[in-house]
Amino acid sequence: MTTIIYETKGRAREYCELAANLYRGCGHGCTYCYAPLAIRTSRDDFCQPRVRDGVMYKFEKDAIELRDKGETRPILLSFTTDPYQPLDVETQLTRKAIKILHQNKLKVSILTKGGRRSERDFDLLSEHPELSEYGTTLVFTDEAWREKIEPRAAPTVERIESLKKAYGLGIFTYVSLEPVWFPEQTLQLIDLTHEFVDLFKVGKLNYNKQQHKVDWKAFKAGVIRKLNEYNSKYYIKDDLKKY
């Protein structure tokens, strides 16, 4: 039975059915983050990330097990942490994980707010584009709000530039438009990125009082209309789809 690479449950399965978190916690400090609640820890503790015990040994063992089973689903890095948070600059665990997955002919799906930090591994992703996906989370066009809500994540402009570079290297790209804080900014983000994004994944905002300030029915209609205008491929998550 795998220990680091795991089957996701509930809403998480809409993004990826397999995932791995190499770190416990995340240094980005995003105020909307659900992960502290999910792993039952305080926000202060969560924002002081650390490497999980024996993580790379267990990760490689899991990868071999999945290879031997003929696994073809992509493995997401990551759900409850960020694979390119500042700590990864020191440890480079994400690079090691990508190499292990590719060596075992397993697919990797990156989801990050790390921006330029993630470009370090574009050589690996572009070497095996058939086994690689690169995605970033985009929330704000207003940098003042980004600094307030996502204080130690990469600036939005930097994330967009990294996304564009990945696309130019032939890597499959996607954008997670979730959480949605200000619907008008989310729509602007589509305008800014649609030319180099292979897939948009659109959700809403949960577990935050800001969610009650948004007309989700109107947003859903507006975001679908815009994505269709650009002939973009997209996925509407269930929690938004119901409106």
C-alpha atoms as a PDB file:
ATOM      1  CA  MET A   1       0.000   0.000   0.000  1.00  0.00           C
ATOM      2  CA  THR A   2       1.369   3.418  -0.977  1.00  0.00           C
ATOM      3  CA  THR A   3       2.103   5.889   1.825  1.00  0.00           C
ATOM      4  CA  ILE A   4       3.118   9.216   0.250  1.00  0.00           C
ATOM      5  CA  ILE A   5       1.330   8.968  -3.095  1.00  0.00           C
ATOM      6  CA  TYR A   6      -2.345   8.622  -2.232  1.00  0.00           C
ATOM      7  CA  GLU A   7      -5.846   8.409  -3.690  1.00  0.00           C
ATOM      8  CA  THR A   8      -7.682  11.689  -3.219  1.00  0.00           C
ATOM      9  CA  LYS A   9     -11.239  11.956  -1.899  1.00  0.00           C
ATOM     10  CA  GLY A  10     -14.207  14.287  -2.244  1.00  0.00           C
ATOM     11  CA  ARG A  11     -13.700  17.597  -4.041  1.00  0.00           C
ATOM     12  CA  ALA A  12     -10.008  16.929  -4.482  1.00  0.00           C
ATOM     13  CA  ARG A  13     -10.727  14.195  -7.038  1.00  0.00           C
ATOM     14  CA  GLU A  14     -11.981  16.832  -9.459  1.00  0.00           C
ATOM     15  CA  TYR A  15      -8.378  18.003  -9.786  1.00  0.00           C
ATOM     16  CA  CYS A  16      -6.478  14.751  -9.671  1.00  0.00           C
ATOM     17  CA  GLU A  17      -7.128  11.226  -8.423  1.00  0.00           C
ATOM     18  CA  LEU A  18      -3.562  10.707  -7.205  1.00  0.00           C
ATOM     19  CA  ALA A  19      -1.454  13.193  -5.254  1.00  0.00           C
ATOM     20  CA  ALA A  20       1.625  13.509  -3.081  1.00  0.00           C
ATOM     21  CA  ASN A  21       2.656  16.138  -0.521  1.00  0.00           C
ATOM     22  CA  LEU A  22       6.413  16.189  -0.013  1.00  0.00           C
ATOM     23  CA  TYR A  23       6.225  18.814   2.719  1.00  0.00           C
ATOM     24  CA  ARG A  24       4.053  19.303   5.748  1.00  0.00           C
ATOM     25  CA  GLY A  25       2.925  22.907   5.682  1.00  0.00           C
ATOM     26  CA  CYS A  26       3.583  25.765   3.295  1.00  0.00           C
ATOM     27  CA  GLY A  27       5.502  29.023   3.549  1.00  0.00           C
ATOM     28  CA  HIS A  28       3.292  31.053   1.208  1.00  0.00           C
ATOM     29  CA  GLY A  29       0.909  32.068   3.998  1.00  0.00           C
ATOM     30  CA  CYS A  30      -2.231  32.423   1.856  1.00  0.00           C
ATOM     31  CA  THR A  31      -5.046  33.558   4.141  1.00  0.00           C
ATOM     32  CA  TYR A  32      -7.721  31.500   2.362  1.00  0.00           C
ATOM     33  CA  CYS A  33      -5.816  28.205   2.620  1.00  0.00           C
ATOM     34  CA  TYR A  34      -7.970  25.249   3.679  1.00  0.00           C
ATOM     35  CA  ALA A  35      -5.016  22.943   4.342  1.00  0.00           C
ATOM     36  CA  PRO A  36      -4.427  23.682   8.062  1.00  0.00           C
ATOM     37  CA  LEU A  37      -7.996  22.592   8.746  1.00  0.00           C
ATOM     38  CA  ALA A  38      -7.638  19.561   6.465  1.00  0.00           C
ATOM     39  CA  ILE A  39      -4.537  18.260   8.248  1.00  0.00           C
ATOM     40  CA  ARG A  40      -5.743  19.378  11.693  1.00  0.00           C
ATOM     41  CA  THR A  41      -3.028  21.827  12.613  1.00  0.00           C
ATOM     42  CA  SER A  42      -2.826  25.491  13.535  1.00  0.00           C
ATOM     43  CA  ARG A  43      -2.190  28.089  10.857  1.00  0.00           C
ATOM     44  CA  ASP A  44       0.975  29.241  12.640  1.00  0.00           C
ATOM     45  CA  ASP A  45       2.372  25.712  12.630  1.00  0.00           C
ATOM     46  CA  PHE A  46       1.322  25.152   9.023  1.00  0.00           C
ATOM     47  CA  CYS A  47       3.191  28.262   7.879  1.00  0.00           C
ATOM     48  CA  GLN A  48       6.445  26.825   9.235  1.00  0.00           C
ATOM     49  CA  PRO A  49       6.856  24.000   6.695  1.00  0.00           C
ATOM     50  CA  ARG A  50       9.117  21.009   7.065  1.00  0.00           C
ATOM     51  CA  VAL A  51      10.105  17.935   5.094  1.00  0.00           C
ATOM     52  CA  ARG A  52       8.067  14.847   5.884  1.00  0.00           C
ATOM     53  CA  ASP A  53      10.010  12.046   7.546  1.00  0.00           C
ATOM     54  CA  GLY A  54      11.587   9.635   5.094  1.00  0.00           C
ATOM     55  CA  VAL A  55       9.577  11.195   2.309  1.00  0.00           C
ATOM     56  CA  MET A  56      11.773  10.475  -0.727  1.00  0.00           C
ATOM     57  CA  TYR A  57      12.433   6.861   0.221  1.00  0.00           C
ATOM     58  CA  LYS A  58       8.686   6.297   0.642  1.00  0.00           C
ATOM     59  CA  PHE A  59       7.876   8.276  -2.505  1.00  0.00           C
ATOM     60  CA  GLU A  60      10.188   6.180  -4.665  1.00  0.00           C
ATOM     61  CA  LYS A  61       8.831   2.974  -3.160  1.00  0.00           C
ATOM     62  CA  ASP A  62       5.292   4.144  -3.969  1.00  0.00           C
ATOM     63  CA  ALA A  63       6.283   5.082  -7.516  1.00  0.00           C
ATOM     64  CA  ILE A  64       7.721   1.631  -8.160  1.00  0.00           C
ATOM     65  CA  GLU A  65       4.570   0.007  -6.792  1.00  0.00           C
ATOM     66  CA  LEU A  66       2.351   2.138  -9.041  1.00  0.00           C
ATOM     67  CA  ARG A  67       4.583   1.462 -12.063  1.00  0.00           C
ATOM     68  CA  ASP A  68       4.313  -2.272 -11.479  1.00  0.00           C
ATOM     69  CA  LYS A  69       0.529  -1.940 -11.358  1.00  0.00           C
ATOM     70  CA  GLY A  70       0.533  -0.144 -14.708  1.00  0.00           C
ATOM     71  CA  GLU A  71      -0.710   3.176 -13.312  1.00  0.00           C
ATOM     72  CA  THR A  72      -1.451   5.789 -15.989  1.00  0.00           C
ATOM     73  CA  ARG A  73      -3.136   8.577 -13.994  1.00  0.00           C
ATOM     74  CA  PRO A  74      -1.109  11.744 -13.290  1.00  0.00           C
ATOM     75  CA  ILE A  75       0.201  12.353  -9.778  1.00  0.00           C
ATOM     76  CA  LEU A  76      -0.404  15.866  -8.491  1.00  0.00           C
ATOM     77  CA  LEU A  77       2.249  17.860  -6.661  1.00  0.00           C
ATOM     78  CA  SER A  78       0.540  19.082  -4.500  1.00  0.00           C
ATOM     79  CA  PHE A  79      -2.742  19.558  -2.583  1.00  0.00           C
ATOM     80  CA  THR A  80      -1.945  20.509   1.012  1.00  0.00           C
ATOM     81  CA  THR A  81       1.364  22.215   0.278  1.00  0.00           C
ATOM     82  CA  ASP A  82       3.142  23.910  -2.629  1.00  0.00           C
ATOM     83  CA  PRO A  83       5.862  22.001  -4.479  1.00  0.00           C
ATOM     84  CA  TYR A  84       7.759  25.243  -5.149  1.00  0.00           C
ATOM     85  CA  GLN A  85       7.424  27.092  -1.880  1.00  0.00           C
ATOM     86  CA  PRO A  86      10.654  28.761  -0.649  1.00  0.00           C
ATOM     87  CA  LEU A  87      11.726  25.658   1.311  1.00  0.00           C
ATOM     88  CA  ASP A  88      12.010  23.708  -1.942  1.00  0.00           C
ATOM     89  CA  VAL A  89      14.733  26.058  -3.143  1.00  0.00           C
ATOM     90  CA  GLU A  90      16.934  24.524  -0.437  1.00  0.00           C
ATOM     91  CA  THR A  91      15.816  20.903  -0.546  1.00  0.00           C
ATOM     92  CA  GLN A  92      14.906  20.493  -4.263  1.00  0.00           C
ATOM     93  CA  LEU A  93      12.633  17.597  -3.340  1.00  0.00           C
ATOM     94  CA  THR A  94      10.233  18.428  -6.146  1.00  0.00           C
ATOM     95  CA  ARG A  95      12.987  17.995  -8.729  1.00  0.00           C
ATOM     96  CA  LYS A  96      13.865  14.629  -7.210  1.00  0.00           C
ATOM     97  CA  ALA A  97      10.209  13.599  -7.262  1.00  0.00           C
ATOM     98  CA  ILE A  98       9.769  14.534 -10.923  1.00  0.00           C
ATOM     99  CA  LYS A  99      12.839  12.469 -11.832  1.00  0.00           C
ATOM    100  CA  ILE A 100      11.530   9.465  -9.913  1.00  0.00           C
ATOM    101  CA  LEU A 101       8.113   9.656 -11.587  1.00  0.00           C
ATOM    102  CA  HIS A 102       9.571  10.012 -15.074  1.00  0.00           C
ATOM    103  CA  GLN A 103      12.066   7.184 -14.495  1.00  0.00           C
ATOM    104  CA  ASN A 104       9.091   4.978 -13.663  1.00  0.00           C
ATOM    105  CA  LYS A 105       7.049   6.217 -16.656  1.00  0.00           C
ATOM    106  CA  LEU A 106       4.534   7.914 -14.382  1.00  0.00           C
ATOM    107  CA  LYS A 107       2.858  11.234 -15.148  1.00  0.00           C
ATOM    108  CA  VAL A 108       3.372  14.312 -12.981  1.00  0.00           C
ATOM    109  CA  SER A 109       1.000  17.250 -12.642  1.00  0.00           C
ATOM    110  CA  ILE A 110       2.421  20.387 -11.024  1.00  0.00           C
ATOM    111  CA  LEU A 111       0.189  22.945  -9.302  1.00  0.00           C
ATOM    112  CA  THR A 112       2.061  25.882  -7.827  1.00  0.00           C
ATOM    113  CA  LYS A 113       2.107  29.567  -6.908  1.00  0.00           C
ATOM    114  CA  GLY A 114       5.908  29.495  -6.959  1.00  0.00           C
ATOM    115  CA  GLY A 115       6.354  31.354 -10.242  1.00  0.00           C
ATOM    116  CA  ARG A 116      10.019  31.699 -11.197  1.00  0.00           C
ATOM    117  CA  ARG A 117      11.095  29.120  -8.599  1.00  0.00           C
ATOM    118  CA  SER A 118       9.285  26.448 -10.609  1.00  0.00           C
ATOM    119  CA  GLU A 119      11.170  27.244 -13.815  1.00  0.00           C
ATOM    120  CA  ARG A 120      14.172  25.397 -12.397  1.00  0.00           C
ATOM    121  CA  ASP A 121      12.535  22.122 -13.396  1.00  0.00           C
ATOM    122  CA  PHE A 122      11.186  23.055 -16.814  1.00  0.00           C
ATOM    123  CA  ASP A 123      14.063  21.107 -18.335  1.00  0.00           C
ATOM    124  CA  LEU A 124      12.672  17.912 -16.827  1.00  0.00           C
ATOM    125  CA  LEU A 125       9.063  18.629 -17.777  1.00  0.00           C
ATOM    126  CA  SER A 126       9.942  19.579 -21.362  1.00  0.00           C
ATOM    127  CA  GLU A 127      12.140  16.496 -21.759  1.00  0.00           C
ATOM    128  CA  HIS A 128       9.090  14.296 -21.150  1.00  0.00           C
ATOM    129  CA  PRO A 129       6.045  16.366 -22.207  1.00  0.00           C
ATOM    130  CA  GLU A 130       3.956  13.214 -22.562  1.00  0.00           C
ATOM    131  CA  LEU A 131       4.404  12.657 -18.816  1.00  0.00           C
ATOM    132  CA  SER A 132       4.116  16.262 -17.619  1.00  0.00           C
ATOM    133  CA  GLU A 133       1.542  18.942 -16.812  1.00  0.00           C
ATOM    134  CA  TYR A 134       2.250  22.382 -15.380  1.00  0.00           C
ATOM    135  CA  GLY A 135      -0.401  24.462 -13.658  1.00  0.00           C
ATOM    136  CA  THR A 136      -0.587  27.584 -11.578  1.00  0.00           C
ATOM    137  CA  THR A 137      -3.231  29.087  -9.322  1.00  0.00           C
ATOM    138  CA  LEU A 138      -4.310  32.611 -10.280  1.00  0.00           C
ATOM    139  CA  VAL A 139      -6.543  34.720  -8.047  1.00  0.00           C
ATOM    140  CA  PHE A 140      -5.734  38.439  -8.368  1.00  0.00           C
ATOM    141  CA  THR A 141      -4.795  40.961 -11.024  1.00  0.00           C
ATOM    142  CA  ASP A 142      -4.490  43.632  -8.330  1.00  0.00           C
ATOM    143  CA  GLU A 143      -1.037  43.160  -6.788  1.00  0.00           C
ATOM    144  CA  ALA A 144      -1.971  44.993  -3.590  1.00  0.00           C
ATOM    145  CA  TRP A 145      -4.665  42.409  -2.925  1.00  0.00           C
ATOM    146  CA  ARG A 146      -2.329  39.585  -3.919  1.00  0.00           C
ATOM    147  CA  GLU A 147       0.239  40.767  -1.359  1.00  0.00           C
ATOM    148  CA  LYS A 148      -2.440  40.987   1.313  1.00  0.00           C
ATOM    149  CA  ILE A 149      -4.060  37.576   0.714  1.00  0.00           C
ATOM    150  CA  GLU A 150      -1.127  35.561  -0.715  1.00  0.00           C
ATOM    151  CA  PRO A 151       1.741  37.344   1.057  1.00  0.00           C
ATOM    152  CA  ARG A 152       4.690  35.070   0.266  1.00  0.00           C
ATOM    153  CA  ALA A 153       3.544  33.486  -2.991  1.00  0.00           C
ATOM    154  CA  ALA A 154       5.013  34.707  -6.274  1.00  0.00           C
ATOM    155  CA  PRO A 155       3.454  37.834  -7.827  1.00  0.00           C
ATOM    156  CA  THR A 156       0.679  37.111 -10.309  1.00  0.00           C
ATOM    157  CA  VAL A 157       2.672  38.575 -13.224  1.00  0.00           C
ATOM    158  CA  GLU A 158       5.548  36.233 -12.417  1.00  0.00           C
ATOM    159  CA  ARG A 159       3.256  33.206 -12.333  1.00  0.00           C
ATOM    160  CA  ILE A 160       1.807  34.168 -15.704  1.00  0.00           C
ATOM    161  CA  GLU A 161       5.267  34.541 -17.225  1.00  0.00           C
ATOM    162  CA  SER A 162       6.258  31.087 -15.955  1.00  0.00           C
ATOM    163  CA  LEU A 163       3.079  29.646 -17.424  1.00  0.00           C
ATOM    164  CA  LYS A 164       3.843  31.234 -20.780  1.00  0.00           C
ATOM    165  CA  LYS A 165       7.402  29.828 -20.732  1.00  0.00           C
ATOM    166  CA  ALA A 166       6.135  26.335 -19.949  1.00  0.00           C
ATOM    167  CA  TYR A 167       3.674  26.501 -22.840  1.00  0.00           C
ATOM    168  CA  GLY A 168       6.444  27.674 -25.156  1.00  0.00           C
ATOM    169  CA  LEU A 169       8.471  24.604 -24.192  1.00  0.00           C
ATOM    170  CA  GLY A 170       5.658  22.296 -25.253  1.00  0.00           C
ATOM    171  CA  ILE A 171       4.492  21.467 -21.721  1.00  0.00           C
ATOM    172  CA  PHE A 172       0.744  21.017 -21.189  1.00  0.00           C
ATOM    173  CA  THR A 173      -0.456  24.001 -19.145  1.00  0.00           C
ATOM    174  CA  TYR A 174      -3.473  24.632 -16.974  1.00  0.00           C
ATOM    175  CA  VAL A 175      -4.728  27.351 -14.663  1.00  0.00           C
ATOM    176  CA  SER A 176      -6.653  26.861 -11.455  1.00  0.00           C
ATOM    177  CA  LEU A 177      -9.095  29.745 -11.123  1.00  0.00           C
ATOM    178  CA  GLU A 178      -9.859  28.947  -7.508  1.00  0.00           C
ATOM    179  CA  PRO A 179     -10.449  30.516  -5.121  1.00  0.00           C
ATOM    180  CA  VAL A 180     -12.388  33.276  -6.841  1.00  0.00           C
ATOM    181  CA  TRP A 181     -12.124  36.376  -4.669  1.00  0.00           C
ATOM    182  CA  PHE A 182     -13.236  39.099  -7.089  1.00  0.00           C
ATOM    183  CA  PRO A 183     -15.062  37.703 -10.162  1.00  0.00           C
ATOM    184  CA  GLU A 184     -14.027  40.626 -12.354  1.00  0.00           C
ATOM    185  CA  GLN A 185     -10.353  39.899 -11.660  1.00  0.00           C
ATOM    186  CA  THR A 186     -10.839  36.226 -12.488  1.00  0.00           C
ATOM    187  CA  LEU A 187     -12.305  37.190 -15.853  1.00  0.00           C
ATOM    188  CA  GLN A 188      -9.356  39.525 -16.457  1.00  0.00           C
ATOM    189  CA  LEU A 189      -6.968  36.654 -15.731  1.00  0.00           C
ATOM    190  CA  ILE A 190      -8.574  34.647 -18.538  1.00  0.00           C
ATOM    191  CA  ASP A 191      -8.033  37.600 -20.877  1.00  0.00           C
ATOM    192  CA  LEU A 192      -4.362  37.694 -19.895  1.00  0.00           C
ATOM    193  CA  THR A 193      -3.617  33.985 -20.243  1.00  0.00           C
ATOM    194  CA  HIS A 194      -5.955  32.224 -22.658  1.00  0.00           C
ATOM    195  CA  GLU A 195      -3.434  32.200 -25.511  1.00  0.00           C
ATOM    196  CA  PHE A 196      -1.055  29.902 -23.630  1.00  0.00           C
ATOM    197  CA  VAL A 197      -3.320  27.826 -21.381  1.00  0.00           C
ATOM    198  CA  ASP A 198      -4.466  24.375 -22.479  1.00  0.00           C
ATOM    199  CA  LEU A 199      -7.099  24.004 -19.761  1.00  0.00           C
ATOM    200  CA  PHE A 200      -8.852  26.209 -17.200  1.00  0.00           C
ATOM    201  CA  LYS A 201     -10.218  24.679 -14.007  1.00  0.00           C
ATOM    202  CA  VAL A 202     -12.786  26.990 -12.412  1.00  0.00           C
ATOM    203  CA  GLY A 203     -14.111  26.824  -8.865  1.00  0.00           C
ATOM    204  CA  LYS A 204     -15.371  29.329  -6.325  1.00  0.00           C
ATOM    205  CA  LEU A 205     -14.419  30.407  -2.821  1.00  0.00           C
ATOM    206  CA  ASN A 206     -15.262  28.352   0.261  1.00  0.00           C
ATOM    207  CA  TYR A 207     -14.695  28.585   4.017  1.00  0.00           C
ATOM    208  CA  ASN A 208     -14.377  32.383   3.880  1.00  0.00           C
ATOM    209  CA  LYS A 209     -16.854  35.200   4.522  1.00  0.00           C
ATOM    210  CA  GLN A 210     -15.852  36.821   1.213  1.00  0.00           C
ATOM    211  CA  GLN A 211     -17.775  34.057  -0.578  1.00  0.00           C
ATOM    212  CA  HIS A 212     -21.075  35.608   0.495  1.00  0.00           C
ATOM    213  CA  LYS A 213     -20.269  38.810  -1.418  1.00  0.00           C
ATOM    214  CA  VAL A 214     -20.243  37.076  -4.790  1.00  0.00           C
ATOM    215  CA  ASP A 215     -23.186  36.341  -7.090  1.00  0.00           C
ATOM    216  CA  TRP A 216     -22.015  32.853  -8.049  1.00  0.00           C
ATOM    217  CA  LYS A 217     -24.788  32.260 -10.597  1.00  0.00           C
ATOM    218  CA  ALA A 218     -23.806  35.414 -12.475  1.00  0.00           C
ATOM    219  CA  PHE A 219     -20.109  34.553 -12.218  1.00  0.00           C
ATOM    220  CA  LYS A 220     -20.654  31.055 -13.563  1.00  0.00           C
ATOM    221  CA  ALA A 221     -22.558  32.415 -16.568  1.00  0.00           C
ATOM    222  CA  GLY A 222     -19.935  35.086 -17.186  1.00  0.00           C
ATOM    223  CA  VAL A 223     -16.912  32.816 -16.932  1.00  0.00           C
ATOM    224  CA  ILE A 224     -18.436  30.195 -19.236  1.00  0.00           C
ATOM    225  CA  ARG A 225     -19.344  32.875 -21.766  1.00  0.00           C
ATOM    226  CA  LYS A 226     -15.801  34.269 -21.786  1.00  0.00           C
ATOM    227  CA  LEU A 227     -14.128  30.861 -22.017  1.00  0.00           C
ATOM    228  CA  ASN A 228     -16.404  29.920 -24.911  1.00  0.00           C
ATOM    229  CA  GLU A 229     -15.587  33.192 -26.669  1.00  0.00           C
ATOM    230  CA  TYR A 230     -11.913  32.249 -26.571  1.00  0.00           C
ATOM    231  CA  ASN A 231     -12.690  28.641 -27.508  1.00  0.00           C
ATOM    232  CA  SER A 232     -10.786  27.603 -24.385  1.00  0.00           C
ATOM    233  CA  LYS A 233     -11.051  24.164 -22.830  1.00  0.00           C
ATOM    234  CA  TYR A 234     -12.344  24.293 -19.281  1.00  0.00           C
ATOM    235  CA  TYR A 235     -13.720  22.351 -16.355  1.00  0.00           C
ATOM    236  CA  ILE A 236     -16.301  23.819 -13.978  1.00  0.00           C
ATOM    237  CA  LYS A 237     -16.022  22.328 -10.507  1.00  0.00           C
ATOM    238  CA  ASP A 238     -19.119  20.856  -8.893  1.00  0.00           C
ATOM    239  CA  ASP A 239     -19.387  23.487  -6.157  1.00  0.00           C
ATOM    240  CA  LEU A 240     -19.775  26.193  -8.851  1.00  0.00           C
ATOM    241  CA  LYS A 241     -21.651  24.035 -11.334  1.00  0.00           C
ATOM    242  CA  LYS A 242     -24.641  23.758  -8.994  1.00  0.00           C
ATOM    243  CA  TYR A 243     -25.458  27.474  -9.309  1.00  0.00           C
END
